[in-house]
Amino acid sequence: MQIGLAAIKHQKAVLLEKPLTLHSLEGQILIDAAKQASVPLMTGHTLRYEPVIQKIREIGLSLGPWQSLRGTMHLEERPEDYRVQATGLGVLLEF
């Protein structure tokens, strides 16, 4: 949390791996600081080891060599979700 707050203080966008913080109060402090500073605050979520992603990789490799794969995942935005309301952002997903 301290590194995130320091970056926000210096007007830098912040990307933190999940969990954003260990306690919800600390998370709220980060959200409030990012809003005050008008900088993006995002969480990263790695899906590399999820079974469905492993299967996609397996199928892709069976088709021959490739350098990269780009995909899109839609997460339904719920109005009651404070994370989306607070930052206007959401979760950055890495495959």
N, C-alpha and C. Protein backbone atom coordinates (compact mmCIF):
# COMPACT_ATOMS: atom_id res chain seq x y z
N MET A 1 0.81 -1.18 0.00
CA MET A 1 0.00 0.00 0.00
C MET A 1 0.86 1.26 0.00
N GLN A 2 1.95 1.25 0.74
CA GLN A 2 2.80 2.44 0.85
C GLN A 2 3.40 2.82 -0.50
N ILE A 3 3.79 1.83 -1.29
CA ILE A 3 4.36 2.12 -2.61
C ILE A 3 3.30 2.74 -3.51
N GLY A 4 2.08 2.20 -3.45
CA GLY A 4 0.98 2.75 -4.22
C GLY A 4 0.69 4.19 -3.84
N LEU A 5 0.65 4.48 -2.54
CA LEU A 5 0.41 5.85 -2.09
C LEU A 5 1.52 6.79 -2.52
N ALA A 6 2.75 6.31 -2.48
CA ALA A 6 3.88 7.16 -2.91
C ALA A 6 3.77 7.48 -4.40
N ALA A 7 3.39 6.49 -5.21
CA ALA A 7 3.24 6.74 -6.65
C ALA A 7 2.10 7.73 -6.91
N ILE A 8 0.99 7.55 -6.21
CA ILE A 8 -0.15 8.47 -6.36
C ILE A 8 0.27 9.89 -5.97
N LYS A 9 1.02 10.01 -4.90
CA LYS A 9 1.49 11.32 -4.44
C LYS A 9 2.29 12.03 -5.53
N HIS A 10 2.99 11.24 -6.36
CA HIS A 10 3.81 11.80 -7.45
C HIS A 10 3.06 11.79 -8.78
N GLN A 11 1.71 11.71 -8.70
CA GLN A 11 0.86 11.79 -9.89
C GLN A 11 1.12 10.68 -10.91
N LYS A 12 1.45 9.49 -10.44
CA LYS A 12 1.70 8.35 -11.32
C LYS A 12 0.51 7.41 -11.28
N ALA A 13 0.15 6.84 -12.42
CA ALA A 13 -0.88 5.81 -12.48
C ALA A 13 -0.37 4.58 -11.73
N VAL A 14 -1.27 3.87 -11.07
CA VAL A 14 -0.86 2.74 -10.23
C VAL A 14 -1.57 1.46 -10.69
N LEU A 15 -0.79 0.42 -10.89
CA LEU A 15 -1.30 -0.91 -11.17
C LEU A 15 -0.75 -1.85 -10.11
N LEU A 16 -1.63 -2.39 -9.27
CA LEU A 16 -1.23 -3.30 -8.20
C LEU A 16 -1.82 -4.68 -8.46
N GLU A 17 -1.05 -5.71 -8.22
CA GLU A 17 -1.54 -7.08 -8.36
C GLU A 17 -2.56 -7.37 -7.27
N LYS A 18 -3.51 -8.26 -7.58
CA LYS A 18 -4.50 -8.66 -6.58
C LYS A 18 -3.80 -9.44 -5.48
N PRO A 19 -4.18 -9.30 -4.27
CA PRO A 19 -5.17 -8.36 -3.78
C PRO A 19 -4.60 -6.94 -3.76
N LEU A 20 -5.47 -5.99 -3.99
CA LEU A 20 -5.06 -4.58 -3.98
C LEU A 20 -4.40 -4.24 -2.65
N THR A 21 -5.05 -4.61 -1.55
CA THR A 21 -4.49 -4.46 -0.20
C THR A 21 -4.96 -5.66 0.63
N LEU A 22 -4.44 -5.78 1.82
CA LEU A 22 -4.84 -6.89 2.68
C LEU A 22 -6.12 -6.59 3.45
N HIS A 23 -6.45 -5.31 3.59
CA HIS A 23 -7.64 -4.92 4.36
C HIS A 23 -8.45 -3.90 3.56
N SER A 24 -9.76 -3.97 3.65
CA SER A 24 -10.62 -3.08 2.87
C SER A 24 -10.38 -1.61 3.20
N LEU A 25 -10.08 -1.29 4.44
CA LEU A 25 -9.82 0.10 4.80
C LEU A 25 -8.61 0.65 4.05
N GLU A 26 -7.56 -0.16 3.94
CA GLU A 26 -6.38 0.27 3.18
C GLU A 26 -6.74 0.47 1.71
N GLY A 27 -7.57 -0.42 1.17
CA GLY A 27 -8.02 -0.27 -0.20
C GLY A 27 -8.78 1.03 -0.41
N GLN A 28 -9.63 1.35 0.54
CA GLN A 28 -10.39 2.61 0.44
C GLN A 28 -9.46 3.82 0.51
N ILE A 29 -8.41 3.74 1.32
CA ILE A 29 -7.43 4.82 1.39
C ILE A 29 -6.77 5.03 0.03
N LEU A 30 -6.39 3.93 -0.63
CA LEU A 30 -5.78 4.04 -1.96
C LEU A 30 -6.77 4.62 -2.97
N ILE A 31 -8.00 4.14 -2.94
CA ILE A 31 -9.02 4.65 -3.86
C ILE A 31 -9.23 6.14 -3.66
N ASP A 32 -9.37 6.54 -2.41
CA ASP A 32 -9.59 7.96 -2.11
C ASP A 32 -8.41 8.82 -2.56
N ALA A 33 -7.20 8.33 -2.33
CA ALA A 33 -6.01 9.08 -2.73
C ALA A 33 -5.94 9.21 -4.25
N ALA A 34 -6.26 8.13 -4.97
CA ALA A 34 -6.23 8.17 -6.44
C ALA A 34 -7.28 9.13 -6.98
N LYS A 35 -8.47 9.12 -6.37
CA LYS A 35 -9.51 10.06 -6.80
C LYS A 35 -9.08 11.49 -6.55
N GLN A 36 -8.52 11.74 -5.38
CA GLN A 36 -8.07 13.09 -5.01
C GLN A 36 -7.00 13.59 -5.98
N ALA A 37 -6.10 12.68 -6.38
CA ALA A 37 -5.01 13.06 -7.28
C ALA A 37 -5.40 12.95 -8.76
N SER A 38 -6.58 12.42 -9.03
CA SER A 38 -7.05 12.22 -10.42
C SER A 38 -6.10 11.36 -11.23
N VAL A 39 -5.63 10.27 -10.62
CA VAL A 39 -4.77 9.32 -11.33
C VAL A 39 -5.44 7.94 -11.34
N PRO A 40 -5.19 7.15 -12.38
CA PRO A 40 -5.77 5.81 -12.44
C PRO A 40 -5.19 4.88 -11.37
N LEU A 41 -6.07 4.08 -10.80
CA LEU A 41 -5.68 3.03 -9.85
C LEU A 41 -6.34 1.75 -10.34
N MET A 42 -5.53 0.75 -10.67
CA MET A 42 -6.06 -0.50 -11.23
C MET A 42 -5.46 -1.70 -10.51
N THR A 43 -6.19 -2.79 -10.58
CA THR A 43 -5.67 -4.06 -10.09
C THR A 43 -5.35 -4.95 -11.27
N GLY A 44 -4.29 -5.73 -11.14
CA GLY A 44 -3.94 -6.72 -12.16
C GLY A 44 -4.43 -8.09 -11.71
N HIS A 45 -4.88 -8.86 -12.66
CA HIS A 45 -5.37 -10.21 -12.34
C HIS A 45 -4.77 -11.15 -13.37
N THR A 46 -3.87 -12.01 -12.94
CA THR A 46 -3.22 -12.95 -13.84
C THR A 46 -4.05 -14.20 -13.99
N LEU A 47 -4.38 -14.53 -15.23
CA LEU A 47 -5.17 -15.73 -15.52
C LEU A 47 -4.33 -16.84 -16.13
N ARG A 48 -3.04 -16.65 -16.16
CA ARG A 48 -2.14 -17.57 -16.85
C ARG A 48 -2.33 -19.03 -16.43
N TYR A 49 -2.65 -19.30 -15.19
CA TYR A 49 -2.75 -20.67 -14.70
C TYR A 49 -4.18 -21.17 -14.57
N GLU A 50 -5.15 -20.39 -15.03
CA GLU A 50 -6.54 -20.84 -15.03
C GLU A 50 -6.68 -21.99 -16.03
N PRO A 51 -7.47 -23.02 -15.69
CA PRO A 51 -7.62 -24.18 -16.58
C PRO A 51 -8.07 -23.81 -18.00
N VAL A 52 -9.00 -22.88 -18.13
CA VAL A 52 -9.47 -22.53 -19.48
C VAL A 52 -8.36 -21.87 -20.29
N ILE A 53 -7.54 -21.06 -19.66
CA ILE A 53 -6.42 -20.42 -20.37
C ILE A 53 -5.37 -21.46 -20.75
N GLN A 54 -5.12 -22.40 -19.86
CA GLN A 54 -4.18 -23.49 -20.17
C GLN A 54 -4.67 -24.30 -21.38
N LYS A 55 -5.98 -24.54 -21.45
CA LYS A 55 -6.55 -25.29 -22.58
C LYS A 55 -6.42 -24.49 -23.87
N ILE A 56 -6.68 -23.20 -23.81
CA ILE A 56 -6.51 -22.35 -25.00
C ILE A 56 -5.06 -22.40 -25.47
N ARG A 57 -4.14 -22.35 -24.54
CA ARG A 57 -2.71 -22.41 -24.89
C ARG A 57 -2.37 -23.75 -25.52
N GLU A 58 -2.88 -24.82 -24.94
CA GLU A 58 -2.63 -26.16 -25.46
C GLU A 58 -3.14 -26.29 -26.90
N ILE A 59 -4.35 -25.82 -27.15
CA ILE A 59 -4.93 -25.88 -28.49
C ILE A 59 -4.12 -25.01 -29.45
N GLY A 60 -3.77 -23.82 -29.00
CA GLY A 60 -2.99 -22.93 -29.84
C GLY A 60 -1.65 -23.52 -30.24
N LEU A 61 -0.96 -24.12 -29.29
CA LEU A 61 0.35 -24.73 -29.58
C LEU A 61 0.22 -25.92 -30.50
N SER A 62 -0.92 -26.62 -30.44
CA SER A 62 -1.11 -27.78 -31.32
C SER A 62 -1.27 -27.35 -32.78
N LEU A 63 -1.60 -26.09 -33.01
CA LEU A 63 -1.78 -25.57 -34.37
C LEU A 63 -0.46 -25.17 -35.01
N GLY A 64 0.60 -25.11 -34.24
CA GLY A 64 1.90 -24.72 -34.75
C GLY A 64 2.50 -23.60 -33.92
N PRO A 65 3.69 -23.14 -34.30
CA PRO A 65 4.35 -22.09 -33.50
C PRO A 65 3.62 -20.74 -33.64
N TRP A 66 3.62 -19.99 -32.56
CA TRP A 66 3.04 -18.66 -32.56
C TRP A 66 3.77 -17.82 -31.53
N GLN A 67 3.73 -16.51 -31.72
CA GLN A 67 4.46 -15.61 -30.84
C GLN A 67 3.58 -14.98 -29.76
N SER A 68 2.34 -14.72 -30.10
CA SER A 68 1.47 -14.09 -29.11
C SER A 68 0.01 -14.41 -29.41
N LEU A 69 -0.79 -14.23 -28.40
CA LEU A 69 -2.23 -14.43 -28.52
C LEU A 69 -2.91 -13.29 -27.78
N ARG A 70 -3.85 -12.65 -28.42
CA ARG A 70 -4.55 -11.55 -27.78
C ARG A 70 -6.03 -11.91 -27.69
N GLY A 71 -6.61 -11.66 -26.54
CA GLY A 71 -8.02 -11.98 -26.35
C GLY A 71 -8.73 -10.89 -25.59
N THR A 72 -10.03 -10.97 -25.59
CA THR A 72 -10.85 -10.02 -24.86
C THR A 72 -11.79 -10.78 -23.95
N MET A 73 -11.95 -10.28 -22.75
CA MET A 73 -12.85 -10.90 -21.79
C MET A 73 -13.79 -9.82 -21.29
N HIS A 74 -15.06 -10.08 -21.34
CA HIS A 74 -16.04 -9.09 -20.89
C HIS A 74 -16.47 -9.41 -19.47
N LEU A 75 -16.35 -8.44 -18.59
CA LEU A 75 -16.84 -8.56 -17.23
C LEU A 75 -18.04 -7.64 -17.08
N GLU A 76 -19.17 -8.20 -16.72
CA GLU A 76 -20.37 -7.39 -16.59
C GLU A 76 -20.20 -6.38 -15.45
N GLU A 77 -20.41 -5.13 -15.76
CA GLU A 77 -20.28 -4.07 -14.76
C GLU A 77 -21.58 -3.95 -13.99
N ARG A 78 -21.48 -4.04 -12.68
CA ARG A 78 -22.66 -3.92 -11.83
C ARG A 78 -22.62 -2.57 -11.12
N PRO A 79 -23.72 -1.82 -11.14
CA PRO A 79 -23.73 -0.50 -10.49
C PRO A 79 -23.36 -0.55 -9.02
N GLU A 80 -23.67 -1.65 -8.32
CA GLU A 80 -23.37 -1.74 -6.90
C GLU A 80 -21.90 -2.04 -6.62
N ASP A 81 -21.12 -2.27 -7.67
CA ASP A 81 -19.72 -2.61 -7.49
C ASP A 81 -18.91 -1.34 -7.22
N TYR A 82 -18.50 -1.14 -5.97
CA TYR A 82 -17.81 0.10 -5.60
C TYR A 82 -16.51 0.30 -6.36
N ARG A 83 -15.85 -0.80 -6.75
CA ARG A 83 -14.57 -0.65 -7.43
C ARG A 83 -14.73 0.06 -8.76
N VAL A 84 -15.77 -0.28 -9.49
CA VAL A 84 -16.00 0.36 -10.77
C VAL A 84 -16.48 1.79 -10.56
N GLN A 85 -17.37 2.02 -9.60
CA GLN A 85 -17.87 3.36 -9.34
C GLN A 85 -16.75 4.28 -8.85
N ALA A 86 -15.91 3.78 -7.99
CA ALA A 86 -14.91 4.62 -7.35
C ALA A 86 -13.84 5.11 -8.34
N THR A 87 -13.43 4.25 -9.26
CA THR A 87 -12.32 4.61 -10.14
C THR A 87 -12.73 4.78 -11.58
N GLY A 88 -13.88 4.21 -11.96
CA GLY A 88 -14.25 4.23 -13.36
C GLY A 88 -13.45 3.24 -14.17
N LEU A 89 -12.62 2.47 -13.52
CA LEU A 89 -11.78 1.51 -14.21
C LEU A 89 -12.29 0.12 -13.90
N GLY A 90 -11.48 -0.77 -13.57
CA GLY A 90 -11.87 -2.14 -13.28
C GLY A 90 -10.63 -2.96 -13.06
N VAL A 91 -10.58 -4.11 -13.65
CA VAL A 91 -9.47 -5.03 -13.46
C VAL A 91 -8.74 -5.19 -14.77
N LEU A 92 -7.43 -5.10 -14.74
CA LEU A 92 -6.61 -5.35 -15.91
C LEU A 92 -6.26 -6.83 -15.90
N LEU A 93 -6.60 -7.53 -16.96
CA LEU A 93 -6.37 -8.97 -17.01
C LEU A 93 -5.16 -9.29 -17.85
N GLU A 94 -4.33 -10.19 -17.37
CA GLU A 94 -3.15 -10.65 -18.12
C GLU A 94 -3.33 -12.12 -18.39
N PHE A 95 -3.19 -12.52 -19.66
CA PHE A 95 -3.35 -13.93 -20.02
C PHE A 95 -2.00 -14.60 -20.14
